[in-house]
C-alpha cells in the first residue's frame, strides 16, 4: 500500500565508489554536477567532525513520527546511510542519543534527517555523521505511516535507494547511482585544476584576465572612470 510499505533495495553503489568519494570536498563534487543538486542549507552537520559517504537507505515518514526510522535501523546493512524525508518539520525530534548508539552498533555510516534531533550536546560531541534540519527536546510519536526504500526528495534533491550520499562541513549531496563514475572522474579533474590555481596564487602568476572579459561581455567598462 502506498504510504505504508517496506520494499527491498534492488541496487546500491559499490563499496569502491564509497571509499573513492569519502573525504572529497562536497563543494567540488557539487561543481561537477553543475551546481544543480543540493539538500538545502538547513541540513547541517550535528556531529563534531568527519565526512559522510555511503549508499542510501531511504525512509519517508509522517512529520513527528519515527516508527519507520526504527525499522530502517533494524534493516540497515553495515555502511548504509539512512536518509529520512520527514517533511522538514521541526516540531518533534525523530532521532536522539539512543538511536545514534543503535546506528553505531549496527555499523550504519550516517544519518540524514530532514527533521529535528534531540540530545544535541551528546550528538555534537561525537563523530557519528548526522545531518539534520534542527533541534527540539520534544520527542516523537511511533504510530506510522511511512515507507522504506522508496524514492524521496529533500528540498528538491531526489534520492533513490542505493544512490551515493556524501557530506562534509559544507553540507550534503546525492550522487545518482548511474553517475558515480563520471562524477568521480570530473571531481578529481576539478581538484587538480584548483591545486594549480593555488600554486599560481603562491607564485604570483594567477591569470585574472577573465574578470575583465566577463565585464566587457555584460556591458561594463572594466576600467575605473
C-alpha atoms as a PDB file:
ATOM      1  CA  UNK A   1       0.000   0.000   0.000  1.00  0.00           C
ATOM      2  CA  UNK A   2       1.347   3.422  -0.943  1.00  0.00           C
ATOM      3  CA  UNK A   3       2.275   5.308   2.215  1.00  0.00           C
ATOM      4  CA  UNK A   4       2.652   2.145   4.253  1.00  0.00           C
ATOM      5  CA  UNK A   5       5.216  -0.172   2.707  1.00  0.00           C
ATOM      6  CA  UNK A   6       8.691  -1.611   3.199  1.00  0.00           C
ATOM      7  CA  UNK A   7      10.498  -2.503  -0.018  1.00  0.00           C
ATOM      8  CA  UNK A   8      13.753  -4.265  -0.792  1.00  0.00           C
ATOM      9  CA  UNK A   9      16.634  -2.229  -2.145  1.00  0.00           C
ATOM     10  CA  UNK A  10      17.438  -3.648  -5.575  1.00  0.00           C
ATOM     11  CA  UNK A  11      20.819  -1.994  -6.106  1.00  0.00           C
ATOM     12  CA  UNK A  12      23.407   0.147  -4.339  1.00  0.00           C
ATOM     13  CA  UNK A  13      26.637   1.883  -5.229  1.00  0.00           C
ATOM     14  CA  UNK A  14      29.640  -0.447  -4.922  1.00  0.00           C
ATOM     15  CA  UNK A  15      31.906  -0.059  -1.917  1.00  0.00           C
ATOM     16  CA  UNK A  16      34.831   1.000  -4.118  1.00  0.00           C
ATOM     17  CA  UNK A  17      32.964   4.176  -5.045  1.00  0.00           C
ATOM     18  CA  UNK A  18      32.008   4.838  -1.447  1.00  0.00           C
ATOM     19  CA  UNK A  19      35.666   4.742  -0.476  1.00  0.00           C
ATOM     20  CA  UNK A  20      36.722   6.777  -3.514  1.00  0.00           C
ATOM     21  CA  UNK A  21      34.290   9.587  -2.643  1.00  0.00           C
ATOM     22  CA  UNK A  22      34.889   9.531   1.120  1.00  0.00           C
ATOM     23  CA  UNK A  23      36.537  12.796   2.133  1.00  0.00           C
ATOM     24  CA  UNK A  24      36.311  14.504  -1.270  1.00  0.00           C
ATOM     25  CA  UNK A  25      35.108  18.111  -0.922  1.00  0.00           C
ATOM     26  CA  UNK A  26      31.344  18.205  -1.407  1.00  0.00           C
ATOM     27  CA  UNK A  27      31.691  21.664  -2.938  1.00  0.00           C
ATOM     28  CA  UNK A  28      33.861  20.243  -5.717  1.00  0.00           C
ATOM     29  CA  UNK A  29      31.501  17.332  -6.297  1.00  0.00           C
ATOM     30  CA  UNK A  30      28.645  19.836  -6.490  1.00  0.00           C
ATOM     31  CA  UNK A  31      30.509  21.949  -9.064  1.00  0.00           C
ATOM     32  CA  UNK A  32      30.900  18.828 -11.197  1.00  0.00           C
ATOM     33  CA  UNK A  33      27.141  18.289 -11.048  1.00  0.00           C
ATOM     34  CA  UNK A  34      26.514  21.766 -12.494  1.00  0.00           C
ATOM     35  CA  UNK A  35      25.602  23.097  -9.011  1.00  0.00           C
ATOM     36  CA  UNK A  36      22.057  21.916  -9.651  1.00  0.00           C
ATOM     37  CA  UNK A  37      21.707  19.470  -6.747  1.00  0.00           C
ATOM     38  CA  UNK A  38      21.614  20.173  -3.019  1.00  0.00           C
ATOM     39  CA  UNK A  39      19.818  19.083   0.105  1.00  0.00           C
ATOM     40  CA  UNK A  40      19.217  22.662   1.165  1.00  0.00           C
ATOM     41  CA  UNK A  41      21.245  24.805   3.551  1.00  0.00           C
ATOM     42  CA  UNK A  42      19.032  23.851   6.516  1.00  0.00           C
ATOM     43  CA  UNK A  43      20.542  20.383   6.806  1.00  0.00           C
ATOM     44  CA  UNK A  44      23.698  20.907   8.819  1.00  0.00           C
ATOM     45  CA  UNK A  45      26.139  18.504  10.478  1.00  0.00           C
ATOM     46  CA  UNK A  46      25.110  17.896  14.065  1.00  0.00           C
ATOM     47  CA  UNK A  47      28.236  15.880  14.846  1.00  0.00           C
ATOM     48  CA  UNK A  48      31.646  17.250  15.791  1.00  0.00           C
ATOM     49  CA  UNK A  49      33.575  16.358  12.660  1.00  0.00           C
ATOM     50  CA  UNK A  50      34.038  13.823   9.891  1.00  0.00           C
ATOM     51  CA  UNK A  51      32.799  13.120   6.356  1.00  0.00           C
ATOM     52  CA  UNK A  52      29.797  11.077   5.309  1.00  0.00           C
ATOM     53  CA  UNK A  53      29.713   8.540   2.479  1.00  0.00           C
ATOM     54  CA  UNK A  54      27.561   5.509   1.776  1.00  0.00           C
ATOM     55  CA  UNK A  55      24.602   4.066  -0.119  1.00  0.00           C
ATOM     56  CA  UNK A  56      21.200   5.487   0.756  1.00  0.00           C
ATOM     57  CA  UNK A  57      18.627   3.504   2.672  1.00  0.00           C
ATOM     58  CA  UNK A  58      15.653   5.809   2.200  1.00  0.00           C
ATOM     59  CA  UNK A  59      12.813   6.459   4.631  1.00  0.00           C
ATOM     60  CA  UNK A  60       9.679   8.541   4.211  1.00  0.00           C
ATOM     61  CA  UNK A  61       7.784   9.197   7.399  1.00  0.00           C
ATOM     62  CA  UNK A  62       4.966  11.316   8.693  1.00  0.00           C
ATOM     63  CA  UNK A  63       6.214  14.534  10.303  1.00  0.00           C
ATOM     64  CA  UNK A  64       6.687  13.920  14.017  1.00  0.00           C
ATOM     65  CA  UNK A  65       6.702  10.105  13.757  1.00  0.00           C
ATOM     66  CA  UNK A  66       9.811   7.888  13.691  1.00  0.00           C
ATOM     67  CA  UNK A  67       8.365   4.356  13.553  1.00  0.00           C
ATOM     68  CA  UNK A  68       9.834   3.682  10.115  1.00  0.00           C
ATOM     69  CA  UNK A  69      13.217   5.098  11.147  1.00  0.00           C
ATOM     70  CA  UNK A  70      13.413   2.470  13.886  1.00  0.00           C
ATOM     71  CA  UNK A  71      12.540  -0.196  11.301  1.00  0.00           C
ATOM     72  CA  UNK A  72      15.222   1.164   8.957  1.00  0.00           C
ATOM     73  CA  UNK A  73      17.789   0.875  11.750  1.00  0.00           C
ATOM     74  CA  UNK A  74      16.817  -2.773  12.149  1.00  0.00           C
ATOM     75  CA  UNK A  75      17.127  -3.398   8.391  1.00  0.00           C
ATOM     76  CA  UNK A  76      20.296  -1.390   7.752  1.00  0.00           C
ATOM     77  CA  UNK A  77      23.399  -3.060   6.406  1.00  0.00           C
ATOM     78  CA  UNK A  78      26.866  -2.076   7.535  1.00  0.00           C
ATOM     79  CA  UNK A  79      27.906   1.096   5.708  1.00  0.00           C
ATOM     80  CA  UNK A  80      24.393   2.301   4.878  1.00  0.00           C
ATOM     81  CA  UNK A  81      23.341   5.927   5.189  1.00  0.00           C
ATOM     82  CA  UNK A  82      19.775   6.235   6.460  1.00  0.00           C
ATOM     83  CA  UNK A  83      18.182   9.162   4.617  1.00  0.00           C
ATOM     84  CA  UNK A  84      14.876  10.391   6.009  1.00  0.00           C
ATOM     85  CA  UNK A  85      12.297  12.609   4.374  1.00  0.00           C
ATOM     86  CA  UNK A  86      10.313  13.845   7.359  1.00  0.00           C
ATOM     87  CA  UNK A  87       8.908  16.861   5.564  1.00  0.00           C
ATOM     88  CA  UNK A  88      11.305  19.280   7.231  1.00  0.00           C
ATOM     89  CA  UNK A  89       9.051  19.503  10.293  1.00  0.00           C
ATOM     90  CA  UNK A  90      10.859  20.546  13.482  1.00  0.00           C
ATOM     91  CA  UNK A  91       8.006  20.081  15.955  1.00  0.00           C
ATOM     92  CA  UNK A  92       9.205  16.695  17.210  1.00  0.00           C
ATOM     93  CA  UNK A  93      12.695  15.205  17.345  1.00  0.00           C
ATOM     94  CA  UNK A  94      12.952  11.976  15.364  1.00  0.00           C
ATOM     95  CA  UNK A  95      16.481  10.938  16.337  1.00  0.00           C
ATOM     96  CA  UNK A  96      18.451  11.064  19.576  1.00  0.00           C
ATOM     97  CA  UNK A  97      21.319   9.636  21.569  1.00  0.00           C
ATOM     98  CA  UNK A  98      19.887   6.117  21.959  1.00  0.00           C
ATOM     99  CA  UNK A  99      19.196   5.809  18.232  1.00  0.00           C
ATOM    100  CA  UNK A 100      22.714   7.038  17.471  1.00  0.00           C
ATOM    101  CA  UNK A 101      24.085   4.298  19.718  1.00  0.00           C
ATOM    102  CA  UNK A 102      21.931   1.773  17.861  1.00  0.00           C
ATOM    103  CA  UNK A 103      23.148   3.038  14.491  1.00  0.00           C
ATOM    104  CA  UNK A 104      26.782   2.819  15.565  1.00  0.00           C
ATOM    105  CA  UNK A 105      26.298  -0.711  16.887  1.00  0.00           C
ATOM    106  CA  UNK A 106      24.822  -1.785  13.545  1.00  0.00           C
ATOM    107  CA  UNK A 107      27.650  -0.211  11.550  1.00  0.00           C
ATOM    108  CA  UNK A 108      25.490   2.469   9.922  1.00  0.00           C
ATOM    109  CA  UNK A 109      27.680   5.032   8.167  1.00  0.00           C
ATOM    110  CA  UNK A 110      25.488   8.016   8.980  1.00  0.00           C
ATOM    111  CA  UNK A 111      22.032   9.554   9.094  1.00  0.00           C
ATOM    112  CA  UNK A 112      20.469  12.349   7.052  1.00  0.00           C
ATOM    113  CA  UNK A 113      17.253  13.692   8.548  1.00  0.00           C
ATOM    114  CA  UNK A 114      15.012  16.348   7.049  1.00  0.00           C
ATOM    115  CA  UNK A 115      13.630  16.931  10.502  1.00  0.00           C
ATOM    116  CA  UNK A 116      14.805  17.546  14.059  1.00  0.00           C
ATOM    117  CA  UNK A 117      17.037  15.745  16.556  1.00  0.00           C
ATOM    118  CA  UNK A 118      17.409  15.949  20.311  1.00  0.00           C
ATOM    119  CA  UNK A 119      20.284  15.113  22.683  1.00  0.00           C
ATOM    120  CA  UNK A 120      22.188  17.606  20.585  1.00  0.00           C
ATOM    121  CA  UNK A 121      25.028  18.048  23.069  1.00  0.00           C
ATOM    122  CA  UNK A 122      25.810  14.334  23.077  1.00  0.00           C
ATOM    123  CA  UNK A 123      25.480  14.092  19.290  1.00  0.00           C
ATOM    124  CA  UNK A 124      27.591  17.220  18.864  1.00  0.00           C
ATOM    125  CA  UNK A 125      30.441  15.828  20.929  1.00  0.00           C
ATOM    126  CA  UNK A 126      30.636  12.642  18.859  1.00  0.00           C
ATOM    127  CA  UNK A 127      31.838  11.799  15.381  1.00  0.00           C
ATOM    128  CA  UNK A 128      28.913   9.743  14.096  1.00  0.00           C
ATOM    129  CA  UNK A 129      27.853  11.591  10.903  1.00  0.00           C
ATOM    130  CA  UNK A 130      24.383  13.013  11.470  1.00  0.00           C
ATOM    131  CA  UNK A 131      22.828  15.817   9.427  1.00  0.00           C
ATOM    132  CA  UNK A 132      19.516  17.383  10.423  1.00  0.00           C
ATOM    133  CA  UNK A 133      17.423  20.496   9.958  1.00  0.00           C
ATOM    134  CA  UNK A 134      17.093  21.491  13.601  1.00  0.00           C
ATOM    135  CA  UNK A 135      16.875  20.618  17.288  1.00  0.00           C
ATOM    136  CA  UNK A 136      13.997  20.252  19.730  1.00  0.00           C
ATOM    137  CA  UNK A 137      13.548  18.453  23.044  1.00  0.00           C
ATOM    138  CA  UNK A 138      10.038  17.234  22.131  1.00  0.00           C
ATOM    139  CA  UNK A 139      10.042  13.512  21.405  1.00  0.00           C
ATOM    140  CA  UNK A 140       8.413  11.640  18.515  1.00  0.00           C
ATOM    141  CA  UNK A 141       5.335   9.501  18.020  1.00  0.00           C
ATOM    142  CA  UNK A 142       5.704   5.899  16.833  1.00  0.00           C
ATOM    143  CA  UNK A 143       2.498   5.090  15.005  1.00  0.00           C
ATOM    144  CA  UNK A 144       3.345   5.483  11.302  1.00  0.00           C
ATOM    145  CA  UNK A 145       2.571   5.583   8.484  1.00  0.00           C
ATOM    146  CA  UNK A 146       5.748   5.568   6.457  1.00  0.00           C
ATOM    147  CA  UNK A 147       7.772   3.901   3.720  1.00  0.00           C
ATOM    148  CA  UNK A 148      11.236   2.385   3.350  1.00  0.00           C
ATOM    149  CA  UNK A 149      13.317   2.114   0.176  1.00  0.00           C
ATOM    150  CA  UNK A 150      11.160   4.397  -1.944  1.00  0.00           C
ATOM    151  CA  UNK A 151      12.330   7.488  -3.867  1.00  0.00           C
ATOM    152  CA  UNK A 152      12.339  10.559  -1.626  1.00  0.00           C
ATOM    153  CA  UNK A 153      13.149  14.237  -2.052  1.00  0.00           C
ATOM    154  CA  UNK A 154      14.736  16.775   0.285  1.00  0.00           C
ATOM    155  CA  UNK A 155      14.450  20.387  -0.851  1.00  0.00           C
ATOM    156  CA  UNK A 156      14.344  19.256  -4.479  1.00  0.00           C
ATOM    157  CA  UNK A 157      17.205  16.744  -4.197  1.00  0.00           C
ATOM    158  CA  UNK A 158      15.835  13.363  -5.262  1.00  0.00           C
ATOM    159  CA  UNK A 159      17.332  10.293  -3.600  1.00  0.00           C
ATOM    160  CA  UNK A 160      16.706   6.749  -4.803  1.00  0.00           C
ATOM    161  CA  UNK A 161      17.557   3.734  -2.671  1.00  0.00           C
ATOM    162  CA  UNK A 162      21.200   2.819  -3.264  1.00  0.00           C
ATOM    163  CA  UNK A 163      22.297   6.232  -4.522  1.00  0.00           C
ATOM    164  CA  UNK A 164      25.526   7.591  -3.043  1.00  0.00           C
ATOM    165  CA  UNK A 165      25.214  10.083  -0.199  1.00  0.00           C
ATOM    166  CA  UNK A 166      28.193  12.308   0.580  1.00  0.00           C
ATOM    167  CA  UNK A 167      28.545  15.010   3.192  1.00  0.00           C
ATOM    168  CA  UNK A 168      31.059  17.285   4.881  1.00  0.00           C
ATOM    169  CA  UNK A 169      31.023  20.563   6.805  1.00  0.00           C
ATOM    170  CA  UNK A 170      29.546  22.357   3.762  1.00  0.00           C
ATOM    171  CA  UNK A 171      26.501  20.097   3.553  1.00  0.00           C
ATOM    172  CA  UNK A 172      25.076  17.130   1.691  1.00  0.00           C
ATOM    173  CA  UNK A 173      24.830  15.798  -1.818  1.00  0.00           C
ATOM    174  CA  UNK A 174      23.295  12.767  -3.516  1.00  0.00           C
ATOM    175  CA  UNK A 175      25.214  11.323  -6.456  1.00  0.00           C
ATOM    176  CA  UNK A 176      22.830   9.184  -8.538  1.00  0.00           C
ATOM    177  CA  UNK A 177      23.742   5.513  -8.884  1.00  0.00           C
ATOM    178  CA  UNK A 178      24.267   5.748 -12.654  1.00  0.00           C
ATOM    179  CA  UNK A 179      26.509   8.834 -12.449  1.00  0.00           C
ATOM    180  CA  UNK A 180      29.078   7.954  -9.785  1.00  0.00           C
ATOM    181  CA  UNK A 181      31.935   7.042 -12.146  1.00  0.00           C
ATOM    182  CA  UNK A 182      31.514  10.137 -14.316  1.00  0.00           C
ATOM    183  CA  UNK A 183      31.180  12.475 -11.326  1.00  0.00           C
ATOM    184  CA  UNK A 184      34.203  10.915  -9.584  1.00  0.00           C
ATOM    185  CA  UNK A 185      36.428  11.479 -12.626  1.00  0.00           C
ATOM    186  CA  UNK A 186      35.202  15.046 -13.034  1.00  0.00           C
ATOM    187  CA  UNK A 187      35.782  15.785  -9.343  1.00  0.00           C
ATOM    188  CA  UNK A 188      39.409  14.641  -9.476  1.00  0.00           C
ATOM    189  CA  UNK A 189      39.920  16.825 -12.559  1.00  0.00           C
ATOM    190  CA  UNK A 190      38.351  19.768 -10.727  1.00  0.00           C
ATOM    191  CA  UNK A 191      40.582  19.253  -7.698  1.00  0.00           C
ATOM    192  CA  UNK A 192      43.709  19.154  -9.870  1.00  0.00           C
ATOM    193  CA  UNK A 193      42.657  22.431 -11.512  1.00  0.00           C
ATOM    194  CA  UNK A 194      42.193  24.024  -8.084  1.00  0.00           C
ATOM    195  CA  UNK A 195      45.612  22.802  -6.955  1.00  0.00           C
ATOM    196  CA  UNK A 196      47.094  24.547  -9.987  1.00  0.00           C
ATOM    197  CA  UNK A 197      45.220  27.766  -9.168  1.00  0.00           C
ATOM    198  CA  UNK A 198      46.561  27.732  -5.624  1.00  0.00           C
ATOM    199  CA  UNK A 199      50.076  27.140  -6.937  1.00  0.00           C
ATOM    200  CA  UNK A 200      49.676  30.081  -9.339  1.00  0.00           C
ATOM    201  CA  UNK A 201      48.487  32.308  -6.475  1.00  0.00           C
ATOM    202  CA  UNK A 202      51.505  31.349  -4.378  1.00  0.00           C
ATOM    203  CA  UNK A 203      53.833  32.053  -7.335  1.00  0.00           C
ATOM    204  CA  UNK A 204      52.176  35.394  -8.137  1.00  0.00           C
ATOM    205  CA  UNK A 205      51.126  34.350 -11.628  1.00  0.00           C
ATOM    206  CA  UNK A 206      47.359  33.951 -11.286  1.00  0.00           C
ATOM    207  CA  UNK A 207      45.597  34.870 -14.535  1.00  0.00           C
ATOM    208  CA  UNK A 208      42.626  37.126 -13.743  1.00  0.00           C
ATOM    209  CA  UNK A 209      42.024  38.335 -17.301  1.00  0.00           C
ATOM    210  CA  UNK A 210      38.700  36.512 -17.342  1.00  0.00           C
ATOM    211  CA  UNK A 211      37.261  39.142 -14.990  1.00  0.00           C
ATOM    212  CA  UNK A 212      37.617  41.995 -17.494  1.00  0.00           C
ATOM    213  CA  UNK A 213      36.498  39.748 -20.355  1.00  0.00           C
ATOM    214  CA  UNK A 214      33.315  38.983 -18.444  1.00  0.00           C
ATOM    215  CA  UNK A 215      32.724  42.622 -17.516  1.00  0.00           C
ATOM    216  CA  UNK A 216      33.006  43.638 -21.165  1.00  0.00           C
ATOM    217  CA  UNK A 217      30.654  40.868 -22.213  1.00  0.00           C
ATOM    218  CA  UNK A 218      27.954  42.106 -19.846  1.00  0.00           C
ATOM    219  CA  UNK A 219      28.417  45.710 -20.942  1.00  0.00           C
ATOM    220  CA  UNK A 220      30.509  47.086 -18.079  1.00  0.00           C
ATOM    221  CA  UNK A 221      33.665  49.109 -18.689  1.00  0.00           C
ATOM    222  CA  UNK A 222      36.351  47.341 -16.643  1.00  0.00           C
ATOM    223  CA  UNK A 223      38.431  50.489 -16.277  1.00  0.00           C
ATOM    224  CA  UNK A 224      37.664  52.846 -13.379  1.00  0.00           C
ATOM    225  CA  UNK A 225      36.103  56.072 -14.642  1.00  0.00           C
END
